[in-house]
Amino acid sequence: MTRQYVLHDGKRGSALALRITPRSSRNQIASVLNDGTVKVHLAADPVDEKINAELIAFLAEVLGVPKSRVEIVAGESGRDKLVSILDMDTKTAHQRIVAHLE
């Protein structure tokens, strides 16, 4: 059973559903699935601390926010993660994600 997360506005920001593929050749936004989940390829090995730190750094760069504004709120040890972005609305987050699609 696959968890379904939906991009939505929160009280102080937005939430982003992600599916992570580790050990990729480079960090990239690969695609956005029909359910709104963003597929992210990361170069890091799937060691939780390393991949989560790399994910936060990469998303902060893509979204143009400090790393302190990006937080993994669910799925820290899995491939499916829910990430919150403080002080950014869903529309802006979506536009910045789409701009980095490869």
Foldseek 3Di string as FASTA:
>chain_A
DDDQDAWAADPFFIKAKEFEDELDPAWAFADQDPSRYTYIYHNDDLPLVVVVVRVLVVLCVLLVHDSVQKDFPDDSNHRITMITGGNYYRVSSVVSNVVGHD
